[in-house]
Amino acid sequence: MVNQDKDVRIEAEELRQAVAKDFEVMLKQTADALNNARDVAIIADSEWIVRKALVAFRQKVYQTAVQLKADKAAAAAFSPSAQRQRDVAQGQGTGGRQSSDGQ
């Protein structure tokens, strides 16, 4: 599928802010899994819990990124300023009204 909204971009910082709470949850789950594991079985007791937390976080990051992109594309499609920019680029709306005889 070709990306037709190449001007609609998301920034890493806005994505980071959008998933900051989810990141904190994932870190807490990871720390809890390791802290609750038995000393003789740290990997066995924590590995799958941590994997599950990472999978959930990865999915959340991707879903959030796609939603941010979609929201920006929708806003750009209906933005009066975006419409004005398209009109100017097409030679419309470049000046005041002119009569049909060009005066």
PDB file of N, CA and C in Angstrom:
ATOM      1  N   MET A   1       0.844  -1.180   0.000  1.00  0.00           N
ATOM      2  CA  MET A   1       0.000   0.000   0.000  1.00  0.00           C
ATOM      3  C   MET A   1       0.888   1.240   0.000  1.00  0.00           C
ATOM      4  N   VAL A   2       0.606   2.190  -0.838  1.00  0.00           N
ATOM      5  CA  VAL A   2       1.386   3.402  -0.960  1.00  0.00           C
ATOM      6  C   VAL A   2       0.881   4.427   0.039  1.00  0.00           C
ATOM      7  N   ASN A   3       1.810   5.078   0.734  1.00  0.00           N
ATOM      8  CA  ASN A   3       1.459   6.116   1.689  1.00  0.00           C
ATOM      9  C   ASN A   3       1.164   7.395   0.925  1.00  0.00           C
ATOM     10  N   GLN A   4      -0.098   7.781   0.867  1.00  0.00           N
ATOM     11  CA  GLN A   4      -0.486   8.956   0.116  1.00  0.00           C
ATOM     12  C   GLN A   4      -0.440  10.215   0.967  1.00  0.00           C
ATOM     13  N   ASP A   5      -0.195  10.090   2.247  1.00  0.00           N
ATOM     14  CA  ASP A   5      -0.125  11.230   3.150  1.00  0.00           C
ATOM     15  C   ASP A   5       1.307  11.425   3.620  1.00  0.00           C
ATOM     16  N   LYS A   6       2.228  11.614   2.675  1.00  0.00           N
ATOM     17  CA  LYS A   6       3.642  11.730   3.032  1.00  0.00           C
ATOM     18  C   LYS A   6       3.921  12.975   3.858  1.00  0.00           C
ATOM     19  N   ASP A   7       3.070  13.993   3.759  1.00  0.00           N
ATOM     20  CA  ASP A   7       3.264  15.206   4.549  1.00  0.00           C
ATOM     21  C   ASP A   7       2.752  15.033   5.972  1.00  0.00           C
ATOM     22  N   VAL A   8       1.976  14.006   6.227  1.00  0.00           N
ATOM     23  CA  VAL A   8       1.438  13.749   7.562  1.00  0.00           C
ATOM     24  C   VAL A   8       2.429  12.845   8.278  1.00  0.00           C
ATOM     25  N   ARG A   9       3.109  13.439   9.258  1.00  0.00           N
ATOM     26  CA  ARG A   9       4.159  12.709   9.962  1.00  0.00           C
ATOM     27  C   ARG A   9       3.894  12.735  11.460  1.00  0.00           C
ATOM     28  N   ILE A  10       4.338  11.689  12.122  1.00  0.00           N
ATOM     29  CA  ILE A  10       4.336  11.696  13.573  1.00  0.00           C
ATOM     30  C   ILE A  10       5.782  11.820  14.025  1.00  0.00           C
ATOM     31  N   GLU A  11       5.964  12.413  15.164  1.00  0.00           N
ATOM     32  CA  GLU A  11       7.306  12.599  15.707  1.00  0.00           C
ATOM     33  C   GLU A  11       7.530  11.614  16.848  1.00  0.00           C
ATOM     34  N   ALA A  12       8.759  11.196  17.021  1.00  0.00           N
ATOM     35  CA  ALA A  12       9.104  10.250  18.078  1.00  0.00           C
ATOM     36  C   ALA A  12       8.717  10.793  19.452  1.00  0.00           C
ATOM     37  N   GLU A  13       8.884  12.084  19.653  1.00  0.00           N
ATOM     38  CA  GLU A  13       8.579  12.680  20.954  1.00  0.00           C
ATOM     39  C   GLU A  13       7.086  12.594  21.275  1.00  0.00           C
ATOM     40  N   GLU A  14       6.238  12.846  20.291  1.00  0.00           N
ATOM     41  CA  GLU A  14       4.802  12.758  20.567  1.00  0.00           C
ATOM     42  C   GLU A  14       4.382  11.315  20.818  1.00  0.00           C
ATOM     43  N   LEU A  15       5.017  10.371  20.133  1.00  0.00           N
ATOM     44  CA  LEU A  15       4.737   8.959  20.377  1.00  0.00           C
ATOM     45  C   LEU A  15       5.219   8.575  21.778  1.00  0.00           C
ATOM     46  N   ARG A  16       6.404   9.053  22.152  1.00  0.00           N
ATOM     47  CA  ARG A  16       6.934   8.772  23.486  1.00  0.00           C
ATOM     48  C   ARG A  16       5.969   9.278  24.564  1.00  0.00           C
ATOM     49  N   GLN A  17       5.477  10.476  24.389  1.00  0.00           N
ATOM     50  CA  GLN A  17       4.541  11.037  25.363  1.00  0.00           C
ATOM     51  C   GLN A  17       3.241  10.237  25.414  1.00  0.00           C
ATOM     52  N   ALA A  18       2.796   9.780  24.261  1.00  0.00           N
ATOM     53  CA  ALA A  18       1.534   9.041  24.193  1.00  0.00           C
ATOM     54  C   ALA A  18       1.612   7.669  24.866  1.00  0.00           C
ATOM     55  N   VAL A  19       2.800   7.069  24.894  1.00  0.00           N
ATOM     56  CA  VAL A  19       2.935   5.730  25.473  1.00  0.00           C
ATOM     57  C   VAL A  19       3.747   5.721  26.772  1.00  0.00           C
ATOM     58  N   ALA A  20       4.009   6.886  27.335  1.00  0.00           N
ATOM     59  CA  ALA A  20       4.840   6.979  28.539  1.00  0.00           C
ATOM     60  C   ALA A  20       4.273   6.155  29.690  1.00  0.00           C
ATOM     61  N   LYS A  21       2.967   6.223  29.905  1.00  0.00           N
ATOM     62  CA  LYS A  21       2.364   5.454  31.003  1.00  0.00           C
ATOM     63  C   LYS A  21       2.469   3.952  30.742  1.00  0.00           C
ATOM     64  N   ASP A  22       2.283   3.557  29.501  1.00  0.00           N
ATOM     65  CA  ASP A  22       2.397   2.138  29.144  1.00  0.00           C
ATOM     66  C   ASP A  22       3.835   1.647  29.339  1.00  0.00           C
ATOM     67  N   PHE A  23       4.790   2.512  29.041  1.00  0.00           N
ATOM     68  CA  PHE A  23       6.194   2.174  29.240  1.00  0.00           C
ATOM     69  C   PHE A  23       6.472   1.945  30.725  1.00  0.00           C
ATOM     70  N   GLU A  24       5.946   2.820  31.554  1.00  0.00           N
ATOM     71  CA  GLU A  24       6.126   2.680  33.003  1.00  0.00           C
ATOM     72  C   GLU A  24       5.499   1.385  33.514  1.00  0.00           C
ATOM     73  N   VAL A  25       4.327   1.034  32.992  1.00  0.00           N
ATOM     74  CA  VAL A  25       3.669  -0.219  33.386  1.00  0.00           C
ATOM     75  C   VAL A  25       4.544  -1.406  33.007  1.00  0.00           C
ATOM     76  N   MET A  26       5.083  -1.388  31.787  1.00  0.00           N
ATOM     77  CA  MET A  26       5.932  -2.485  31.337  1.00  0.00           C
ATOM     78  C   MET A  26       7.175  -2.607  32.213  1.00  0.00           C
ATOM     79  N   LEU A  27       7.786  -1.483  32.552  1.00  0.00           N
ATOM     80  CA  LEU A  27       8.967  -1.521  33.420  1.00  0.00           C
ATOM     81  C   LEU A  27       8.624  -2.064  34.804  1.00  0.00           C
ATOM     82  N   LYS A  28       7.487  -1.663  35.345  1.00  0.00           N
ATOM     83  CA  LYS A  28       7.071  -2.159  36.659  1.00  0.00           C
ATOM     84  C   LYS A  28       6.816  -3.662  36.616  1.00  0.00           C
ATOM     85  N   GLN A  29       6.141  -4.126  35.565  1.00  0.00           N
ATOM     86  CA  GLN A  29       5.887  -5.564  35.432  1.00  0.00           C
ATOM     87  C   GLN A  29       7.200  -6.348  35.333  1.00  0.00           C
ATOM     88  N   THR A  30       8.156  -5.784  34.615  1.00  0.00           N
ATOM     89  CA  THR A  30       9.459  -6.438  34.479  1.00  0.00           C
ATOM     90  C   THR A  30      10.178  -6.501  35.823  1.00  0.00           C
ATOM     91  N   ALA A  31      10.225  -5.373  36.515  1.00  0.00           N
ATOM     92  CA  ALA A  31      10.885  -5.341  37.820  1.00  0.00           C
ATOM     93  C   ALA A  31      10.189  -6.268  38.809  1.00  0.00           C
ATOM     94  N   ASP A  32       8.855  -6.246  38.823  1.00  0.00           N
ATOM     95  CA  ASP A  32       8.100  -7.120  39.739  1.00  0.00           C
ATOM     96  C   ASP A  32       8.372  -8.591  39.440  1.00  0.00           C
ATOM     97  N   ALA A  33       8.410  -8.935  38.161  1.00  0.00           N
ATOM     98  CA  ALA A  33       8.653 -10.334  37.788  1.00  0.00           C
ATOM     99  C   ALA A  33      10.025 -10.791  38.281  1.00  0.00           C
ATOM    100  N   LEU A  34      11.019  -9.962  38.111  1.00  0.00           N
ATOM    101  CA  LEU A  34      12.368 -10.326  38.556  1.00  0.00           C
ATOM    102  C   LEU A  34      12.469 -10.333  40.078  1.00  0.00           C
ATOM    103  N   ASN A  35      11.832  -9.372  40.717  1.00  0.00           N
ATOM    104  CA  ASN A  35      11.892  -9.305  42.180  1.00  0.00           C
ATOM    105  C   ASN A  35      11.122 -10.432  42.851  1.00  0.00           C
ATOM    106  N   ASN A  36      10.095 -10.921  42.200  1.00  0.00           N
ATOM    107  CA  ASN A  36       9.281 -11.996  42.775  1.00  0.00           C
ATOM    108  C   ASN A  36       9.793 -13.394  42.418  1.00  0.00           C
ATOM    109  N   ALA A  37      10.761 -13.452  41.525  1.00  0.00           N
ATOM    110  CA  ALA A  37      11.322 -14.747  41.124  1.00  0.00           C
ATOM    111  C   ALA A  37      12.197 -15.310  42.240  1.00  0.00           C
ATOM    112  N   ARG A  38      12.213 -16.617  42.308  1.00  0.00           N
ATOM    113  CA  ARG A  38      13.102 -17.276  43.277  1.00  0.00           C
ATOM    114  C   ARG A  38      14.543 -17.096  42.833  1.00  0.00           C
ATOM    115  N   ASP A  39      15.435 -16.937  43.797  1.00  0.00           N
ATOM    116  CA  ASP A  39      16.854 -16.730  43.477  1.00  0.00           C
ATOM    117  C   ASP A  39      17.428 -17.867  42.640  1.00  0.00           C
ATOM    118  N   VAL A  40      16.942 -19.068  42.859  1.00  0.00           N
ATOM    119  CA  VAL A  40      17.480 -20.224  42.133  1.00  0.00           C
ATOM    120  C   VAL A  40      16.799 -20.430  40.786  1.00  0.00           C
ATOM    121  N   ALA A  41      15.793 -19.599  40.475  1.00  0.00           N
ATOM    122  CA  ALA A  41      15.047 -19.792  39.225  1.00  0.00           C
ATOM    123  C   ALA A  41      14.595 -18.450  38.633  1.00  0.00           C
ATOM    124  N   ILE A  42      15.508 -17.496  38.610  1.00  0.00           N
ATOM    125  CA  ILE A  42      15.130 -16.155  38.137  1.00  0.00           C
ATOM    126  C   ILE A  42      14.579 -16.199  36.713  1.00  0.00           C
ATOM    127  N   ILE A  43      15.279 -16.855  35.822  1.00  0.00           N
ATOM    128  CA  ILE A  43      14.832 -16.900  34.425  1.00  0.00           C
ATOM    129  C   ILE A  43      13.538 -17.697  34.294  1.00  0.00           C
ATOM    130  N   ALA A  44      13.489 -18.856  34.886  1.00  0.00           N
ATOM    131  CA  ALA A  44      12.296 -19.698  34.780  1.00  0.00           C
ATOM    132  C   ALA A  44      11.059 -19.000  35.347  1.00  0.00           C
ATOM    133  N   ASP A  45      11.236 -18.268  36.432  1.00  0.00           N
ATOM    134  CA  ASP A  45      10.087 -17.630  37.084  1.00  0.00           C
ATOM    135  C   ASP A  45       9.682 -16.296  36.457  1.00  0.00           C
ATOM    136  N   SER A  46      10.569 -15.670  35.699  1.00  0.00           N
ATOM    137  CA  SER A  46      10.260 -14.317  35.221  1.00  0.00           C
ATOM    138  C   SER A  46      10.207 -14.158  33.701  1.00  0.00           C
ATOM    139  N   GLU A  47      10.850 -15.028  32.962  1.00  0.00           N
ATOM    140  CA  GLU A  47      10.997 -14.815  31.522  1.00  0.00           C
ATOM    141  C   GLU A  47       9.665 -14.634  30.798  1.00  0.00           C
ATOM    142  N   TRP A  48       8.704 -15.496  31.027  1.00  0.00           N
ATOM    143  CA  TRP A  48       7.442 -15.414  30.292  1.00  0.00           C
ATOM    144  C   TRP A  48       6.601 -14.228  30.738  1.00  0.00           C
ATOM    145  N   ILE A  49       6.713 -13.852  31.989  1.00  0.00           N
ATOM    146  CA  ILE A  49       5.998 -12.662  32.468  1.00  0.00           C
ATOM    147  C   ILE A  49       6.544 -11.421  31.768  1.00  0.00           C
ATOM    148  N   VAL A  50       7.866 -11.345  31.674  1.00  0.00           N
ATOM    149  CA  VAL A  50       8.500 -10.204  31.013  1.00  0.00           C
ATOM    150  C   VAL A  50       8.198 -10.214  29.519  1.00  0.00           C
ATOM    151  N   ARG A  51       8.257 -11.368  28.895  1.00  0.00           N
ATOM    152  CA  ARG A  51       7.916 -11.448  27.457  1.00  0.00           C
ATOM    153  C   ARG A  51       6.490 -10.962  27.206  1.00  0.00           C
ATOM    154  N   LYS A  52       5.577 -11.392  28.057  1.00  0.00           N
ATOM    155  CA  LYS A  52       4.177 -10.984  27.914  1.00  0.00           C
ATOM    156  C   LYS A  52       4.043  -9.461  28.067  1.00  0.00           C
ATOM    157  N   ALA A  53       4.735  -8.879  29.022  1.00  0.00           N
ATOM    158  CA  ALA A  53       4.704  -7.429  29.232  1.00  0.00           C
ATOM    159  C   ALA A  53       5.271  -6.697  28.014  1.00  0.00           C
ATOM    160  N   LEU A  54       6.353  -7.221  27.457  1.00  0.00           N
ATOM    161  CA  LEU A  54       6.960  -6.596  26.280  1.00  0.00           C
ATOM    162  C   LEU A  54       6.076  -6.706  25.046  1.00  0.00           C
ATOM    163  N   VAL A  55       5.425  -7.835  24.881  1.00  0.00           N
ATOM    164  CA  VAL A  55       4.507  -8.001  23.746  1.00  0.00           C
ATOM    165  C   VAL A  55       3.355  -7.006  23.850  1.00  0.00           C
ATOM    166  N   ALA A  56       2.791  -6.874  25.035  1.00  0.00           N
ATOM    167  CA  ALA A  56       1.683  -5.934  25.237  1.00  0.00           C
ATOM    168  C   ALA A  56       2.146  -4.507  24.960  1.00  0.00           C
ATOM    169  N   PHE A  57       3.335  -4.164  25.416  1.00  0.00           N
ATOM    170  CA  PHE A  57       3.860  -2.817  25.187  1.00  0.00           C
ATOM    171  C   PHE A  57       4.126  -2.574  23.707  1.00  0.00           C
ATOM    172  N   ARG A  58       4.722  -3.544  23.034  1.00  0.00           N
ATOM    173  CA  ARG A  58       4.997  -3.413  21.604  1.00  0.00           C
ATOM    174  C   ARG A  58       3.697  -3.183  20.826  1.00  0.00           C
ATOM    175  N   GLN A  59       2.676  -3.937  21.144  1.00  0.00           N
ATOM    176  CA  GLN A  59       1.384  -3.772  20.473  1.00  0.00           C
ATOM    177  C   GLN A  59       0.808  -2.382  20.738  1.00  0.00           C
ATOM    178  N   LYS A  60       0.907  -1.928  21.975  1.00  0.00           N
ATOM    179  CA  LYS A  60       0.378  -0.609  22.338  1.00  0.00           C
ATOM    180  C   LYS A  60       1.117   0.495  21.588  1.00  0.00           C
ATOM    181  N   VAL A  61       2.431   0.392  21.492  1.00  0.00           N
ATOM    182  CA  VAL A  61       3.214   1.403  20.779  1.00  0.00           C
ATOM    183  C   VAL A  61       2.793   1.454  19.312  1.00  0.00           C
ATOM    184  N   TYR A  62       2.672   0.300  18.694  1.00  0.00           N
ATOM    185  CA  TYR A  62       2.308   0.282  17.274  1.00  0.00           C
ATOM    186  C   TYR A  62       0.890   0.807  17.058  1.00  0.00           C
ATOM    187  N   GLN A  63      -0.052   0.362  17.867  1.00  0.00           N
ATOM    188  CA  GLN A  63      -1.432   0.834  17.746  1.00  0.00           C
ATOM    189  C   GLN A  63      -1.522   2.340  17.960  1.00  0.00           C
ATOM    190  N   THR A  64      -0.790   2.835  18.938  1.00  0.00           N
ATOM    191  CA  THR A  64      -0.803   4.265  19.217  1.00  0.00           C
ATOM    192  C   THR A  64      -0.193   5.050  18.063  1.00  0.00           C
ATOM    193  N   ALA A  65       0.896   4.559  17.505  1.00  0.00           N
ATOM    194  CA  ALA A  65       1.535   5.228  16.369  1.00  0.00           C
ATOM    195  C   ALA A  65       0.599   5.278  15.166  1.00  0.00           C
ATOM    196  N   VAL A  66      -0.047   4.177  14.877  1.00  0.00           N
ATOM    197  CA  VAL A  66      -0.988   4.138  13.746  1.00  0.00           C
ATOM    198  C   VAL A  66      -2.151   5.099  13.990  1.00  0.00           C
ATOM    199  N   GLN A  67      -2.659   5.134  15.219  1.00  0.00           N
ATOM    200  CA  GLN A  67      -3.775   6.023  15.542  1.00  0.00           C
ATOM    201  C   GLN A  67      -3.352   7.490  15.443  1.00  0.00           C
ATOM    202  N   LEU A  68      -2.157   7.822  15.926  1.00  0.00           N
ATOM    203  CA  LEU A  68      -1.660   9.200  15.797  1.00  0.00           C
ATOM    204  C   LEU A  68      -1.575   9.615  14.329  1.00  0.00           C
ATOM    205  N   LYS A  69      -1.043   8.730  13.517  1.00  0.00           N
ATOM    206  CA  LYS A  69      -0.923   9.005  12.076  1.00  0.00           C
ATOM    207  C   LYS A  69      -2.300   9.190  11.440  1.00  0.00           C
ATOM    208  N   ALA A  70      -3.229   8.319  11.781  1.00  0.00           N
ATOM    209  CA  ALA A  70      -4.588   8.408  11.225  1.00  0.00           C
ATOM    210  C   ALA A  70      -5.280   9.696  11.666  1.00  0.00           C
ATOM    211  N   ASP A  71      -5.111  10.047  12.935  1.00  0.00           N
ATOM    212  CA  ASP A  71      -5.726  11.273  13.447  1.00  0.00           C
ATOM    213  C   ASP A  71      -5.168  12.501  12.739  1.00  0.00           C
ATOM    214  N   LYS A  72      -3.856  12.526  12.520  1.00  0.00           N
ATOM    215  CA  LYS A  72      -3.251  13.660  11.828  1.00  0.00           C
ATOM    216  C   LYS A  72      -3.701  13.729  10.375  1.00  0.00           C
ATOM    217  N   ALA A  73      -3.799  12.579   9.736  1.00  0.00           N
ATOM    218  CA  ALA A  73      -4.245  12.553   8.343  1.00  0.00           C
ATOM    219  C   ALA A  73      -5.677  13.050   8.230  1.00  0.00           C
ATOM    220  N   ALA A  74      -6.524  12.634   9.164  1.00  0.00           N
ATOM    221  CA  ALA A  74      -7.919  13.074   9.149  1.00  0.00           C
ATOM    222  C   ALA A  74      -8.009  14.568   9.400  1.00  0.00           C
ATOM    223  N   ALA A  75      -7.221  15.067  10.341  1.00  0.00           N
ATOM    224  CA  ALA A  75      -7.239  16.503  10.634  1.00  0.00           C
ATOM    225  C   ALA A  75      -6.742  17.300   9.430  1.00  0.00           C
ATOM    226  N   ALA A  76      -5.712  16.807   8.768  1.00  0.00           N
ATOM    227  CA  ALA A  76      -5.181  17.506   7.602  1.00  0.00           C
ATOM    228  C   ALA A  76      -6.173  17.497   6.446  1.00  0.00           C
ATOM    229  N   ALA A  77      -6.912  16.424   6.316  1.00  0.00           N
ATOM    230  CA  ALA A  77      -7.874  16.316   5.217  1.00  0.00           C
ATOM    231  C   ALA A  77      -9.023  17.301   5.374  1.00  0.00           C
ATOM    232  N   PHE A  78      -9.349  17.671   6.597  1.00  0.00           N
ATOM    233  CA  PHE A  78     -10.492  18.545   6.842  1.00  0.00           C
ATOM    234  C   PHE A  78     -10.080  19.911   7.371  1.00  0.00           C
ATOM    235  N   SER A  79      -8.796  20.199   7.375  1.00  0.00           N
ATOM    236  CA  SER A  79      -8.303  21.462   7.900  1.00  0.00           C
ATOM    237  C   SER A  79      -8.575  22.592   6.918  1.00  0.00           C
ATOM    238  N   PRO A  80      -9.195  23.680   7.379  1.00  0.00           N
ATOM    239  CA  PRO A  80      -9.389  24.825   6.479  1.00  0.00           C
ATOM    240  C   PRO A  80      -8.057  25.362   5.953  1.00  0.00           C
ATOM    241  N   SER A  81      -7.006  25.357   6.781  1.00  0.00           N
ATOM    242  CA  SER A  81      -5.720  25.853   6.309  1.00  0.00           C
ATOM    243  C   SER A  81      -5.139  24.923   5.257  1.00  0.00           C
ATOM    244  N   ALA A  82      -5.341  23.618   5.413  1.00  0.00           N
ATOM    245  CA  ALA A  82      -4.861  22.682   4.407  1.00  0.00           C
ATOM    246  C   ALA A  82      -5.627  22.885   3.101  1.00  0.00           C
ATOM    247  N   GLN A  83      -6.926  23.137   3.181  1.00  0.00           N
ATOM    248  CA  GLN A  83      -7.718  23.394   1.982  1.00  0.00           C
ATOM    249  C   GLN A  83      -7.247  24.681   1.321  1.00  0.00           C
ATOM    250  N   ARG A  84      -6.960  25.703   2.114  1.00  0.00           N
ATOM    251  CA  ARG A  84      -6.476  26.972   1.581  1.00  0.00           C
ATOM    252  C   ARG A  84      -5.145  26.764   0.862  1.00  0.00           C
ATOM    253  N   GLN A  85      -4.248  25.977   1.446  1.00  0.00           N
ATOM    254  CA  GLN A  85      -2.959  25.710   0.809  1.00  0.00           C
ATOM    255  C   GLN A  85      -3.147  24.984  -0.515  1.00  0.00           C
ATOM    256  N   ARG A  86      -4.092  24.032  -0.559  1.00  0.00           N
ATOM    257  CA  ARG A  86      -4.355  23.324  -1.814  1.00  0.00           C
ATOM    258  C   ARG A  86      -4.935  24.272  -2.856  1.00  0.00           C
ATOM    259  N   ASP A  87      -5.836  25.169  -2.431  1.00  0.00           N
ATOM    260  CA  ASP A  87      -6.443  26.114  -3.359  1.00  0.00           C
ATOM    261  C   ASP A  87      -5.391  27.055  -3.952  1.00  0.00           C
ATOM    262  N   VAL A  88      -4.507  27.553  -3.103  1.00  0.00           N
ATOM    263  CA  VAL A  88      -3.457  28.452  -3.572  1.00  0.00           C
ATOM    264  C   VAL A  88      -2.539  27.715  -4.537  1.00  0.00           C
ATOM    265  N   ALA A  89      -2.193  26.475  -4.213  1.00  0.00           N
ATOM    266  CA  ALA A  89      -1.318  25.685  -5.084  1.00  0.00           C
ATOM    267  C   ALA A  89      -1.966  25.440  -6.442  1.00  0.00           C
ATOM    268  N   GLN A  90      -3.289  25.383  -6.463  1.00  0.00           N
ATOM    269  CA  GLN A  90      -4.003  25.140  -7.714  1.00  0.00           C
ATOM    270  C   GLN A  90      -4.365  26.445  -8.425  1.00  0.00           C
ATOM    271  N   GLY A  91      -3.949  27.584  -7.851  1.00  0.00           N
ATOM    272  CA  GLY A  91      -4.232  28.870  -8.494  1.00  0.00           C
ATOM    273  C   GLY A  91      -5.580  29.438  -8.140  1.00  0.00           C
ATOM    274  N   GLN A  92      -6.243  28.866  -7.174  1.00  0.00           N
ATOM    275  CA  GLN A  92      -7.536  29.367  -6.740  1.00  0.00           C
ATOM    276  C   GLN A  92      -7.335  30.168  -5.462  1.00  0.00           C
ATOM    277  N   GLY A  93      -8.191  31.150  -5.251  1.00  0.00           N
ATOM    278  CA  GLY A  93      -8.154  31.904  -4.008  1.00  0.00           C
ATOM    279  C   GLY A  93      -6.919  32.742  -3.854  1.00  0.00           C
ATOM    280  N   THR A  94      -6.327  33.189  -4.984  1.00  0.00           N
ATOM    281  CA  THR A  94      -5.082  33.937  -4.904  1.00  0.00           C
ATOM    282  C   THR A  94      -5.304  35.434  -4.811  1.00  0.00           C
ATOM    283  N   GLY A  95      -6.504  35.867  -4.880  1.00  0.00           N
ATOM    284  CA  GLY A  95      -6.736  37.306  -4.799  1.00  0.00           C
ATOM    285  C   GLY A  95      -8.208  37.586  -4.583  1.00  0.00           C
ATOM    286  N   GLY A  96      -8.555  38.851  -4.728  1.00  0.00           N
ATOM    287  CA  GLY A  96      -9.949  39.253  -4.576  1.00  0.00           C
ATOM    288  C   GLY A  96     -10.777  38.778  -5.753  1.00  0.00           C
ATOM    289  N   ARG A  97     -12.038  39.065  -5.679  1.00  0.00           N
ATOM    290  CA  ARG A  97     -12.945  38.652  -6.755  1.00  0.00           C
ATOM    291  C   ARG A  97     -12.706  39.519  -7.993  1.00  0.00           C
ATOM    292  N   GLN A  98     -12.770  38.909  -9.105  1.00  0.00           N
ATOM    293  CA  GLN A  98     -12.671  39.640 -10.373  1.00  0.00           C
ATOM    294  C   GLN A  98     -13.968  39.440 -11.132  1.00  0.00           C
ATOM    295  N   SER A  99     -14.359  40.432 -11.846  1.00  0.00           N
ATOM    296  CA  SER A  99     -15.569  40.294 -12.635  1.00  0.00           C
ATOM    297  C   SER A  99     -15.297  39.418 -13.841  1.00  0.00           C
ATOM    298  N   SER A 100     -16.328  39.012 -14.503  1.00  0.00           N
ATOM    299  CA  SER A 100     -16.165  38.108 -15.629  1.00  0.00           C
ATOM    300  C   SER A 100     -15.412  38.736 -16.790  1.00  0.00           C
ATOM    301  N   ASP A 101     -15.339  40.099 -16.830  1.00  0.00           N
ATOM    302  CA  ASP A 101     -14.589  40.723 -17.913  1.00  0.00           C
ATOM    303  C   ASP A 101     -13.126  40.987 -17.546  1.00  0.00           C
ATOM    304  N   GLY A 102     -12.692  40.445 -16.378  1.00  0.00           N
ATOM    305  CA  GLY A 102     -11.296  40.532 -15.996  1.00  0.00           C
ATOM    306  C   GLY A 102     -10.932  41.792 -15.238  1.00  0.00           C
ATOM    307  N   GLN A 103     -11.903  42.653 -14.925  1.00  0.00           N
ATOM    308  CA  GLN A 103     -11.588  43.916 -14.232  1.00  0.00           C
ATOM    309  C   GLN A 103     -11.836  43.833 -12.762  1.00  0.00           C
TER     310      GLN A 103
END
